[in-house]
Amino acid sequence: MGLEYVPGMYAERNELEELAKVVGDANDIIMSHMRSEDNSEIESSLDELAMQGKYAPVHASHLKVVYGEGADRAKEILNYISEIRNQGIDLTADIYPYSASFTG
């Protein structure tokens, strides 16, 4: 899923929850681009994936820290993911190894 892009950006929470149930029933995994990669919205985007993770394993594609936030912010995000995983949510992520990003 690409929640930051059309048409995924229009998906509502209840729709994603129902989709997650179907994926979980099929013993599959949700691979999703986060709804927002803006520094101030990374946690809320991870929370949205964690909600889906109540029903199926979830994977966040292209996790990155940009805009000069650096290693300290990356540690905060990794700790946040650890907190989610400690709640029993099977959440993984891959990294986006670039210092800047833009889709326009």
PDB file of N, CA and C in Angstrom:
ATOM      1  N   MET A   1       0.837  -1.176   0.000  1.00  0.00           N
ATOM      2  CA  MET A   1       0.000   0.000   0.000  1.00  0.00           C
ATOM      3  C   MET A   1       0.881   1.239   0.000  1.00  0.00           C
ATOM      4  N   GLY A   2       0.410   2.240  -0.615  1.00  0.00           N
ATOM      5  CA  GLY A   2       1.104   3.514  -0.598  1.00  0.00           C
ATOM      6  C   GLY A   2       0.220   4.581   0.018  1.00  0.00           C
ATOM      7  N   LEU A   3       0.208   4.667   1.337  1.00  0.00           N
ATOM      8  CA  LEU A   3      -0.718   5.573   2.013  1.00  0.00           C
ATOM      9  C   LEU A   3      -0.374   7.048   1.843  1.00  0.00           C
ATOM     10  N   GLU A   4       0.796   7.336   1.317  1.00  0.00           N
ATOM     11  CA  GLU A   4       1.160   8.729   1.063  1.00  0.00           C
ATOM     12  C   GLU A   4       0.783   9.148  -0.359  1.00  0.00           C
ATOM     13  N   TYR A   5       0.326   8.200  -1.156  1.00  0.00           N
ATOM     14  CA  TYR A   5       0.077   8.443  -2.574  1.00  0.00           C
ATOM     15  C   TYR A   5      -1.360   8.084  -2.947  1.00  0.00           C
ATOM     16  N   VAL A   6      -1.823   8.623  -4.079  1.00  0.00           N
ATOM     17  CA  VAL A   6      -3.136   8.290  -4.635  1.00  0.00           C
ATOM     18  C   VAL A   6      -3.095   6.840  -5.111  1.00  0.00           C
ATOM     19  N   PRO A   7      -4.102   6.005  -4.865  1.00  0.00           N
ATOM     20  CA  PRO A   7      -5.340   6.282  -4.159  1.00  0.00           C
ATOM     21  C   PRO A   7      -5.270   5.995  -2.656  1.00  0.00           C
ATOM     22  N   GLY A   8      -4.147   5.430  -2.183  1.00  0.00           N
ATOM     23  CA  GLY A   8      -4.039   5.035  -0.781  1.00  0.00           C
ATOM     24  C   GLY A   8      -4.253   6.161   0.209  1.00  0.00           C
ATOM     25  N   MET A   9      -3.927   7.389  -0.184  1.00  0.00           N
ATOM     26  CA  MET A   9      -4.067   8.519   0.736  1.00  0.00           C
ATOM     27  C   MET A   9      -5.517   8.757   1.144  1.00  0.00           C
ATOM     28  N   TYR A  10      -6.454   8.192   0.390  1.00  0.00           N
ATOM     29  CA  TYR A  10      -7.866   8.368   0.705  1.00  0.00           C
ATOM     30  C   TYR A  10      -8.420   7.250   1.589  1.00  0.00           C
ATOM     31  N   ALA A  11      -7.616   6.252   1.877  1.00  0.00           N
ATOM     32  CA  ALA A  11      -8.077   5.145   2.719  1.00  0.00           C
ATOM     33  C   ALA A  11      -8.278   5.633   4.149  1.00  0.00           C
ATOM     34  N   GLU A  12      -9.409   5.285   4.717  1.00  0.00           N
ATOM     35  CA  GLU A  12      -9.716   5.673   6.093  1.00  0.00           C
ATOM     36  C   GLU A  12      -9.368   4.540   7.045  1.00  0.00           C
ATOM     37  N   ARG A  13      -9.277   4.886   8.319  1.00  0.00           N
ATOM     38  CA  ARG A  13      -8.847   3.937   9.348  1.00  0.00           C
ATOM     39  C   ARG A  13      -9.683   2.654   9.338  1.00  0.00           C
ATOM     40  N   ASN A  14     -11.003   2.784   9.261  1.00  0.00           N
ATOM     41  CA  ASN A  14     -11.855   1.592   9.295  1.00  0.00           C
ATOM     42  C   ASN A  14     -11.624   0.701   8.080  1.00  0.00           C
ATOM     43  N   GLU A  15     -11.359   1.303   6.929  1.00  0.00           N
ATOM     44  CA  GLU A  15     -11.067   0.531   5.720  1.00  0.00           C
ATOM     45  C   GLU A  15      -9.755  -0.237   5.883  1.00  0.00           C
ATOM     46  N   LEU A  16      -8.742   0.427   6.436  1.00  0.00           N
ATOM     47  CA  LEU A  16      -7.450  -0.227   6.647  1.00  0.00           C
ATOM     48  C   LEU A  16      -7.558  -1.348   7.673  1.00  0.00           C
ATOM     49  N   GLU A  17      -8.390  -1.142   8.686  1.00  0.00           N
ATOM     50  CA  GLU A  17      -8.589  -2.173   9.700  1.00  0.00           C
ATOM     51  C   GLU A  17      -9.243  -3.413   9.090  1.00  0.00           C
ATOM     52  N   GLU A  18     -10.255  -3.217   8.261  1.00  0.00           N
ATOM     53  CA  GLU A  18     -10.913  -4.352   7.604  1.00  0.00           C
ATOM     54  C   GLU A  18      -9.958  -5.070   6.657  1.00  0.00           C
ATOM     55  N   LEU A  19      -9.165  -4.311   5.932  1.00  0.00           N
ATOM     56  CA  LEU A  19      -8.165  -4.907   5.045  1.00  0.00           C
ATOM     57  C   LEU A  19      -7.158  -5.726   5.846  1.00  0.00           C
ATOM     58  N   ALA A  20      -6.737  -5.197   6.988  1.00  0.00           N
ATOM     59  CA  ALA A  20      -5.779  -5.910   7.836  1.00  0.00           C
ATOM     60  C   ALA A  20      -6.352  -7.236   8.328  1.00  0.00           C
ATOM     61  N   LYS A  21      -7.630  -7.269   8.614  1.00  0.00           N
ATOM     62  CA  LYS A  21      -8.269  -8.516   9.045  1.00  0.00           C
ATOM     63  C   LYS A  21      -8.208  -9.558   7.935  1.00  0.00           C
ATOM     64  N   VAL A  22      -8.467  -9.145   6.710  1.00  0.00           N
ATOM     65  CA  VAL A  22      -8.411 -10.061   5.565  1.00  0.00           C
ATOM     66  C   VAL A  22      -6.988 -10.581   5.380  1.00  0.00           C
ATOM     67  N   VAL A  23      -6.019  -9.688   5.458  1.00  0.00           N
ATOM     68  CA  VAL A  23      -4.615 -10.084   5.302  1.00  0.00           C
ATOM     69  C   VAL A  23      -4.219 -11.046   6.418  1.00  0.00           C
ATOM     70  N   GLY A  24      -4.624 -10.752   7.635  1.00  0.00           N
ATOM     71  CA  GLY A  24      -4.318 -11.635   8.759  1.00  0.00           C
ATOM     72  C   GLY A  24      -4.946 -13.004   8.606  1.00  0.00           C
ATOM     73  N   ASP A  25      -6.196 -13.049   8.156  1.00  0.00           N
ATOM     74  CA  ASP A  25      -6.871 -14.335   7.932  1.00  0.00           C
ATOM     75  C   ASP A  25      -6.145 -15.172   6.888  1.00  0.00           C
ATOM     76  N   ALA A  26      -5.462 -14.513   5.964  1.00  0.00           N
ATOM     77  CA  ALA A  26      -4.709 -15.210   4.917  1.00  0.00           C
ATOM     78  C   ALA A  26      -3.272 -15.512   5.363  1.00  0.00           C
ATOM     79  N   ASN A  27      -2.959 -15.192   6.632  1.00  0.00           N
ATOM     80  CA  ASN A  27      -1.600 -15.387   7.158  1.00  0.00           C
ATOM     81  C   ASN A  27      -0.554 -14.710   6.287  1.00  0.00           C
ATOM     82  N   ASP A  28      -0.848 -13.492   5.895  1.00  0.00           N
ATOM     83  CA  ASP A  28       0.063 -12.738   5.038  1.00  0.00           C
ATOM     84  C   ASP A  28       0.555 -11.502   5.779  1.00  0.00           C
ATOM     85  N   ILE A  29       1.281 -10.638   5.098  1.00  0.00           N
ATOM     86  CA  ILE A  29       1.879  -9.454   5.708  1.00  0.00           C
ATOM     87  C   ILE A  29       1.449  -8.197   4.954  1.00  0.00           C
ATOM     88  N   ILE A  30       1.254  -7.127   5.693  1.00  0.00           N
ATOM     89  CA  ILE A  30       0.929  -5.836   5.098  1.00  0.00           C
ATOM     90  C   ILE A  30       2.238  -5.092   4.866  1.00  0.00           C
ATOM     91  N   MET A  31       2.505  -4.773   3.614  1.00  0.00           N
ATOM     92  CA  MET A  31       3.681  -3.977   3.240  1.00  0.00           C
ATOM     93  C   MET A  31       3.147  -2.601   2.875  1.00  0.00           C
ATOM     94  N   SER A  32       3.566  -1.579   3.597  1.00  0.00           N
ATOM     95  CA  SER A  32       2.954  -0.275   3.392  1.00  0.00           C
ATOM     96  C   SER A  32       3.961   0.857   3.467  1.00  0.00           C
ATOM     97  N   HIS A  33       3.794   1.804   2.574  1.00  0.00           N
ATOM     98  CA  HIS A  33       4.490   3.079   2.677  1.00  0.00           C
ATOM     99  C   HIS A  33       3.715   3.884   3.706  1.00  0.00           C
ATOM    100  N   MET A  34       4.394   4.504   4.643  1.00  0.00           N
ATOM    101  CA  MET A  34       3.706   5.262   5.684  1.00  0.00           C
ATOM    102  C   MET A  34       2.902   6.410   5.079  1.00  0.00           C
ATOM    103  N   ARG A  35       1.837   6.784   5.781  1.00  0.00           N
ATOM    104  CA  ARG A  35       0.976   7.862   5.296  1.00  0.00           C
ATOM    105  C   ARG A  35       1.739   9.187   5.189  1.00  0.00           C
ATOM    106  N   SER A  36       2.641   9.418   6.114  1.00  0.00           N
ATOM    107  CA  SER A  36       3.439  10.646   6.056  1.00  0.00           C
ATOM    108  C   SER A  36       4.843  10.369   6.568  1.00  0.00           C
ATOM    109  N   GLU A  37       5.818  10.947   5.889  1.00  0.00           N
ATOM    110  CA  GLU A  37       7.210  10.835   6.320  1.00  0.00           C
ATOM    111  C   GLU A  37       7.692  12.138   6.937  1.00  0.00           C
ATOM    112  N   ASP A  38       6.795  13.105   7.079  1.00  0.00           N
ATOM    113  CA  ASP A  38       7.176  14.355   7.718  1.00  0.00           C
ATOM    114  C   ASP A  38       7.632  14.053   9.140  1.00  0.00           C
ATOM    115  N   ASN A  39       8.695  14.695   9.556  1.00  0.00           N
ATOM    116  CA  ASN A  39       9.291  14.419  10.854  1.00  0.00           C
ATOM    117  C   ASN A  39       8.268  14.460  11.987  1.00  0.00           C
ATOM    118  N   SER A  40       7.351  15.415  11.941  1.00  0.00           N
ATOM    119  CA  SER A  40       6.373  15.566  13.017  1.00  0.00           C
ATOM    120  C   SER A  40       5.256  14.532  12.961  1.00  0.00           C
ATOM    121  N   GLU A  41       5.198  13.737  11.897  1.00  0.00           N
ATOM    122  CA  GLU A  41       4.095  12.787  11.734  1.00  0.00           C
ATOM    123  C   GLU A  41       4.543  11.331  11.654  1.00  0.00           C
ATOM    124  N   ILE A  42       5.820  11.066  11.845  1.00  0.00           N
ATOM    125  CA  ILE A  42       6.301   9.686  11.731  1.00  0.00           C
ATOM    126  C   ILE A  42       5.638   8.796  12.775  1.00  0.00           C
ATOM    127  N   GLU A  43       5.572   9.257  14.026  1.00  0.00           N
ATOM    128  CA  GLU A  43       4.967   8.426  15.068  1.00  0.00           C
ATOM    129  C   GLU A  43       3.501   8.129  14.776  1.00  0.00           C
ATOM    130  N   SER A  44       2.737   9.128  14.343  1.00  0.00           N
ATOM    131  CA  SER A  44       1.325   8.870  14.053  1.00  0.00           C
ATOM    132  C   SER A  44       1.174   7.933  12.858  1.00  0.00           C
ATOM    133  N   SER A  45       2.078   8.016  11.903  1.00  0.00           N
ATOM    134  CA  SER A  45       2.042   7.085  10.769  1.00  0.00           C
ATOM    135  C   SER A  45       2.373   5.670  11.227  1.00  0.00           C
ATOM    136  N   LEU A  46       3.338   5.540  12.133  1.00  0.00           N
ATOM    137  CA  LEU A  46       3.654   4.219  12.686  1.00  0.00           C
ATOM    138  C   LEU A  46       2.495   3.695  13.526  1.00  0.00           C
ATOM    139  N   ASP A  47       1.802   4.578  14.245  1.00  0.00           N
ATOM    140  CA  ASP A  47       0.631   4.164  15.021  1.00  0.00           C
ATOM    141  C   ASP A  47      -0.453   3.591  14.116  1.00  0.00           C
ATOM    142  N   GLU A  48      -0.633   4.203  12.953  1.00  0.00           N
ATOM    143  CA  GLU A  48      -1.632   3.707  12.008  1.00  0.00           C
ATOM    144  C   GLU A  48      -1.273   2.294  11.556  1.00  0.00           C
ATOM    145  N   LEU A  49       0.008   2.066  11.288  1.00  0.00           N
ATOM    146  CA  LEU A  49       0.441   0.716  10.919  1.00  0.00           C
ATOM    147  C   LEU A  49       0.291  -0.241  12.094  1.00  0.00           C
ATOM    148  N   ALA A  50       0.579   0.230  13.304  1.00  0.00           N
ATOM    149  CA  ALA A  50       0.447  -0.622  14.488  1.00  0.00           C
ATOM    150  C   ALA A  50      -1.001  -1.059  14.688  1.00  0.00           C
ATOM    151  N   MET A  51      -1.956  -0.177  14.390  1.00  0.00           N
ATOM    152  CA  MET A  51      -3.367  -0.549  14.476  1.00  0.00           C
ATOM    153  C   MET A  51      -3.653  -1.720  13.544  1.00  0.00           C
ATOM    154  N   GLN A  52      -3.111  -1.671  12.341  1.00  0.00           N
ATOM    155  CA  GLN A  52      -3.291  -2.771  11.398  1.00  0.00           C
ATOM    156  C   GLN A  52      -2.570  -4.017  11.898  1.00  0.00           C
ATOM    157  N   GLY A  53      -1.476  -3.794  12.623  1.00  0.00           N
ATOM    158  CA  GLY A  53      -0.678  -4.895  13.142  1.00  0.00           C
ATOM    159  C   GLY A  53      -1.358  -5.705  14.227  1.00  0.00           C
ATOM    160  N   LYS A  54      -2.509  -5.270  14.694  1.00  0.00           N
ATOM    161  CA  LYS A  54      -3.292  -6.080  15.631  1.00  0.00           C
ATOM    162  C   LYS A  54      -3.866  -7.303  14.924  1.00  0.00           C
ATOM    163  N   TYR A  55      -3.913  -7.255  13.592  1.00  0.00           N
ATOM    164  CA  TYR A  55      -4.542  -8.312  12.808  1.00  0.00           C
ATOM    165  C   TYR A  55      -3.572  -9.066  11.912  1.00  0.00           C
ATOM    166  N   ALA A  56      -2.468  -8.428  11.535  1.00  0.00           N
ATOM    167  CA  ALA A  56      -1.500  -9.044  10.615  1.00  0.00           C
ATOM    168  C   ALA A  56      -0.134  -8.391  10.835  1.00  0.00           C
ATOM    169  N   PRO A  57       0.936  -9.107  10.538  1.00  0.00           N
ATOM    170  CA  PRO A  57       2.257  -8.469  10.587  1.00  0.00           C
ATOM    171  C   PRO A  57       2.298  -7.295   9.608  1.00  0.00           C
ATOM    172  N   VAL A  58       3.016  -6.236   9.987  1.00  0.00           N
ATOM    173  CA  VAL A  58       3.114  -5.052   9.135  1.00  0.00           C
ATOM    174  C   VAL A  58       4.572  -4.675   8.900  1.00  0.00           C
ATOM    175  N   HIS A  59       4.812  -4.133   7.722  1.00  0.00           N
ATOM    176  CA  HIS A  59       6.154  -3.686   7.349  1.00  0.00           C
ATOM    177  C   HIS A  59       6.065  -2.271   6.801  1.00  0.00           C
ATOM    178  N   ALA A  60       6.834  -1.358   7.389  1.00  0.00           N
ATOM    179  CA  ALA A  60       6.885   0.035   6.932  1.00  0.00           C
ATOM    180  C   ALA A  60       7.992   0.175   5.899  1.00  0.00           C
ATOM    181  N   SER A  61       7.616   0.540   4.701  1.00  0.00           N
ATOM    182  CA  SER A  61       8.593   0.715   3.626  1.00  0.00           C
ATOM    183  C   SER A  61       9.193   2.114   3.662  1.00  0.00           C
ATOM    184  N   HIS A  62      10.485   2.184   3.426  1.00  0.00           N
ATOM    185  CA  HIS A  62      11.205   3.448   3.246  1.00  0.00           C
ATOM    186  C   HIS A  62      11.218   4.341   4.478  1.00  0.00           C
ATOM    187  N   LEU A  63      11.446   3.764   5.623  1.00  0.00           N
ATOM    188  CA  LEU A  63      11.603   4.558   6.836  1.00  0.00           C
ATOM    189  C   LEU A  63      12.860   5.405   6.701  1.00  0.00           C
ATOM    190  N   LYS A  64      12.743   6.683   6.986  1.00  0.00           N
ATOM    191  CA  LYS A  64      13.906   7.559   6.855  1.00  0.00           C
ATOM    192  C   LYS A  64      13.790   8.747   7.791  1.00  0.00           C
ATOM    193  N   VAL A  65      14.929   9.343   8.048  1.00  0.00           N
ATOM    194  CA  VAL A  65      15.012  10.575   8.821  1.00  0.00           C
ATOM    195  C   VAL A  65      15.704  11.588   7.921  1.00  0.00           C
ATOM    196  N   VAL A  66      15.012  12.673   7.639  1.00  0.00           N
ATOM    197  CA  VAL A  66      15.574  13.689   6.740  1.00  0.00           C
ATOM    198  C   VAL A  66      15.457  15.069   7.379  1.00  0.00           C
ATOM    199  N   TYR A  67      15.750  16.075   6.612  1.00  0.00           N
ATOM    200  CA  TYR A  67      15.649  17.472   7.026  1.00  0.00           C
ATOM    201  C   TYR A  67      16.595  17.799   8.174  1.00  0.00           C
ATOM    202  N   GLY A  68      17.780  17.178   8.182  1.00  0.00           N
ATOM    203  CA  GLY A  68      18.808  17.498   9.153  1.00  0.00           C
ATOM    204  C   GLY A  68      18.554  17.012  10.562  1.00  0.00           C
ATOM    205  N   GLU A  69      17.652  16.045  10.716  1.00  0.00           N
ATOM    206  CA  GLU A  69      17.310  15.574  12.058  1.00  0.00           C
ATOM    207  C   GLU A  69      18.369  14.636  12.639  1.00  0.00           C
ATOM    208  N   GLY A  70      19.034  13.856  11.812  1.00  0.00           N
ATOM    209  CA  GLY A  70      20.186  13.082  12.223  1.00  0.00           C
ATOM    210  C   GLY A  70      19.952  11.883  13.112  1.00  0.00           C
ATOM    211  N   ALA A  71      21.060  11.428  13.701  1.00  0.00           N
ATOM    212  CA  ALA A  71      21.106  10.169  14.437  1.00  0.00           C
ATOM    213  C   ALA A  71      20.221  10.174  15.679  1.00  0.00           C
ATOM    214  N   ASP A  72      20.117  11.289  16.371  1.00  0.00           N
ATOM    215  CA  ASP A  72      19.284  11.317  17.576  1.00  0.00           C
ATOM    216  C   ASP A  72      17.819  11.054  17.235  1.00  0.00           C
ATOM    217  N   ARG A  73      17.349  11.653  16.164  1.00  0.00           N
ATOM    218  CA  ARG A  73      15.953  11.431  15.746  1.00  0.00           C
ATOM    219  C   ARG A  73      15.766   9.991  15.286  1.00  0.00           C
ATOM    220  N   ALA A  74      16.740   9.450  14.596  1.00  0.00           N
ATOM    221  CA  ALA A  74      16.659   8.051  14.166  1.00  0.00           C
ATOM    222  C   ALA A  74      16.543   7.133  15.377  1.00  0.00           C
ATOM    223  N   LYS A  75      17.305   7.404  16.422  1.00  0.00           N
ATOM    224  CA  LYS A  75      17.220   6.591  17.647  1.00  0.00           C
ATOM    225  C   LYS A  75      15.839   6.698  18.273  1.00  0.00           C
ATOM    226  N   GLU A  76      15.265   7.900  18.291  1.00  0.00           N
ATOM    227  CA  GLU A  76      13.914   8.076  18.827  1.00  0.00           C
ATOM    228  C   GLU A  76      12.913   7.212  18.065  1.00  0.00           C
ATOM    229  N   ILE A  77      13.011   7.226  16.756  1.00  0.00           N
ATOM    230  CA  ILE A  77      12.073   6.458  15.930  1.00  0.00           C
ATOM    231  C   ILE A  77      12.266   4.965  16.149  1.00  0.00           C
ATOM    232  N   LEU A  78      13.507   4.513  16.200  1.00  0.00           N
ATOM    233  CA  LEU A  78      13.760   3.090  16.449  1.00  0.00           C
ATOM    234  C   LEU A  78      13.255   2.681  17.828  1.00  0.00           C
ATOM    235  N   ASN A  79      13.415   3.538  18.822  1.00  0.00           N
ATOM    236  CA  ASN A  79      12.873   3.249  20.150  1.00  0.00           C
ATOM    237  C   ASN A  79      11.351   3.186  20.109  1.00  0.00           C
ATOM    238  N   TYR A  80      10.735   4.052  19.325  1.00  0.00           N
ATOM    239  CA  TYR A  80       9.279   4.045  19.189  1.00  0.00           C
ATOM    240  C   TYR A  80       8.808   2.731  18.561  1.00  0.00           C
ATOM    241  N   ILE A  81       9.519   2.275  17.543  1.00  0.00           N
ATOM    242  CA  ILE A  81       9.195   0.986  16.925  1.00  0.00           C
ATOM    243  C   ILE A  81       9.357  -0.135  17.946  1.00  0.00           C
ATOM    244  N   SER A  82      10.392  -0.079  18.758  1.00  0.00           N
ATOM    245  CA  SER A  82      10.594  -1.096  19.801  1.00  0.00           C
ATOM    246  C   SER A  82       9.432  -1.109  20.788  1.00  0.00           C
ATOM    247  N   GLU A  83       8.937   0.073  21.156  1.00  0.00           N
ATOM    248  CA  GLU A  83       7.784   0.149  22.055  1.00  0.00           C
ATOM    249  C   GLU A  83       6.567  -0.530  21.433  1.00  0.00           C
ATOM    250  N   ILE A  84       6.345  -0.293  20.158  1.00  0.00           N
ATOM    251  CA  ILE A  84       5.230  -0.933  19.458  1.00  0.00           C
ATOM    252  C   ILE A  84       5.417  -2.445  19.461  1.00  0.00           C
ATOM    253  N   ARG A  85       6.615  -2.898  19.151  1.00  0.00           N
ATOM    254  CA  ARG A  85       6.895  -4.336  19.119  1.00  0.00           C
ATOM    255  C   ARG A  85       6.729  -4.961  20.508  1.00  0.00           C
ATOM    256  N   ASN A  86       7.069  -4.212  21.560  1.00  0.00           N
ATOM    257  CA  ASN A  86       6.905  -4.713  22.930  1.00  0.00           C
ATOM    258  C   ASN A  86       5.439  -4.897  23.302  1.00  0.00           C
ATOM    259  N   GLN A  87       4.540  -4.294  22.545  1.00  0.00           N
ATOM    260  CA  GLN A  87       3.103  -4.472  22.754  1.00  0.00           C
ATOM    261  C   GLN A  87       2.575  -5.697  22.008  1.00  0.00           C
ATOM    262  N   GLY A  88       3.482  -6.442  21.375  1.00  0.00           N
ATOM    263  CA  GLY A  88       3.084  -7.651  20.664  1.00  0.00           C
ATOM    264  C   GLY A  88       2.769  -7.442  19.198  1.00  0.00           C
ATOM    265  N   ILE A  89       3.019  -6.257  18.673  1.00  0.00           N
ATOM    266  CA  ILE A  89       2.771  -5.965  17.261  1.00  0.00           C
ATOM    267  C   ILE A  89       4.004  -6.357  16.462  1.00  0.00           C
ATOM    268  N   ASP A  90       3.800  -7.153  15.419  1.00  0.00           N
ATOM    269  CA  ASP A  90       4.901  -7.580  14.551  1.00  0.00           C
ATOM    270  C   ASP A  90       5.123  -6.503  13.494  1.00  0.00           C
ATOM    271  N   LEU A  91       5.933  -5.504  13.838  1.00  0.00           N
ATOM    272  CA  LEU A  91       6.218  -4.372  12.958  1.00  0.00           C
ATOM    273  C   LEU A  91       7.688  -4.385  12.579  1.00  0.00           C
ATOM    274  N   THR A  92       7.945  -4.358  11.285  1.00  0.00           N
ATOM    275  CA  THR A  92       9.309  -4.246  10.777  1.00  0.00           C
ATOM    276  C   THR A  92       9.372  -3.044   9.839  1.00  0.00           C
ATOM    277  N   ALA A  93      10.583  -2.687   9.436  1.00  0.00           N
ATOM    278  CA  ALA A  93      10.751  -1.555   8.521  1.00  0.00           C
ATOM    279  C   ALA A  93      12.029  -1.741   7.728  1.00  0.00           C
ATOM    280  N   ASP A  94      12.055  -1.144   6.550  1.00  0.00           N
ATOM    281  CA  ASP A  94      13.312  -1.050   5.817  1.00  0.00           C
ATOM    282  C   ASP A  94      13.695   0.422   5.772  1.00  0.00           C
ATOM    283  N   ILE A  95      14.962   0.660   5.551  1.00  0.00           N
ATOM    284  CA  ILE A  95      15.439   2.038   5.582  1.00  0.00           C
ATOM    285  C   ILE A  95      15.572   2.608   4.185  1.00  0.00           C
ATOM    286  N   TYR A  96      15.602   3.896   4.135  1.00  0.00           N
ATOM    287  CA  TYR A  96      15.761   4.662   2.905  1.00  0.00           C
ATOM    288  C   TYR A  96      17.052   5.446   3.089  1.00  0.00           C
ATOM    289  N   PRO A  97      18.153   4.951   2.561  1.00  0.00           N
ATOM    290  CA  PRO A  97      19.473   5.492   2.916  1.00  0.00           C
ATOM    291  C   PRO A  97      19.865   6.774   2.178  1.00  0.00           C
ATOM    292  N   TYR A  98      19.022   7.759   2.238  1.00  0.00           N
ATOM    293  CA  TYR A  98      19.317   9.016   1.573  1.00  0.00           C
ATOM    294  C   TYR A  98      19.147  10.163   2.561  1.00  0.00           C
ATOM    295  N   SER A  99      19.850  11.231   2.350  1.00  0.00           N
ATOM    296  CA  SER A  99      19.772  12.370   3.263  1.00  0.00           C
ATOM    297  C   SER A  99      18.620  13.320   2.937  1.00  0.00           C
ATOM    298  N   ALA A 100      17.937  13.090   1.829  1.00  0.00           N
ATOM    299  CA  ALA A 100      16.790  13.913   1.461  1.00  0.00           C
ATOM    300  C   ALA A 100      15.845  13.090   0.604  1.00  0.00           C
ATOM    301  N   SER A 101      14.606  13.546   0.508  1.00  0.00           N
ATOM    302  CA  SER A 101      13.630  12.818  -0.303  1.00  0.00           C
ATOM    303  C   SER A 101      12.606  13.803  -0.844  1.00  0.00           C
ATOM    304  N   PHE A 102      11.965  13.410  -1.916  1.00  0.00           N
ATOM    305  CA  PHE A 102      10.899  14.242  -2.468  1.00  0.00           C
ATOM    306  C   PHE A 102      10.188  13.483  -3.568  1.00  0.00           C
ATOM    307  N   THR A 103       8.873  13.491  -3.508  1.00  0.00           N
ATOM    308  CA  THR A 103       8.045  12.996  -4.595  1.00  0.00           C
ATOM    309  C   THR A 103       7.100  14.133  -4.931  1.00  0.00           C
ATOM    310  N   GLY A 104       7.131  14.578  -6.144  1.00  0.00           N
ATOM    311  CA  GLY A 104       6.304  15.744  -6.424  1.00  0.00           C
ATOM    312  C   GLY A 104       5.663  15.735  -7.745  1.00  0.00           C
TER     313      GLY A 104
END
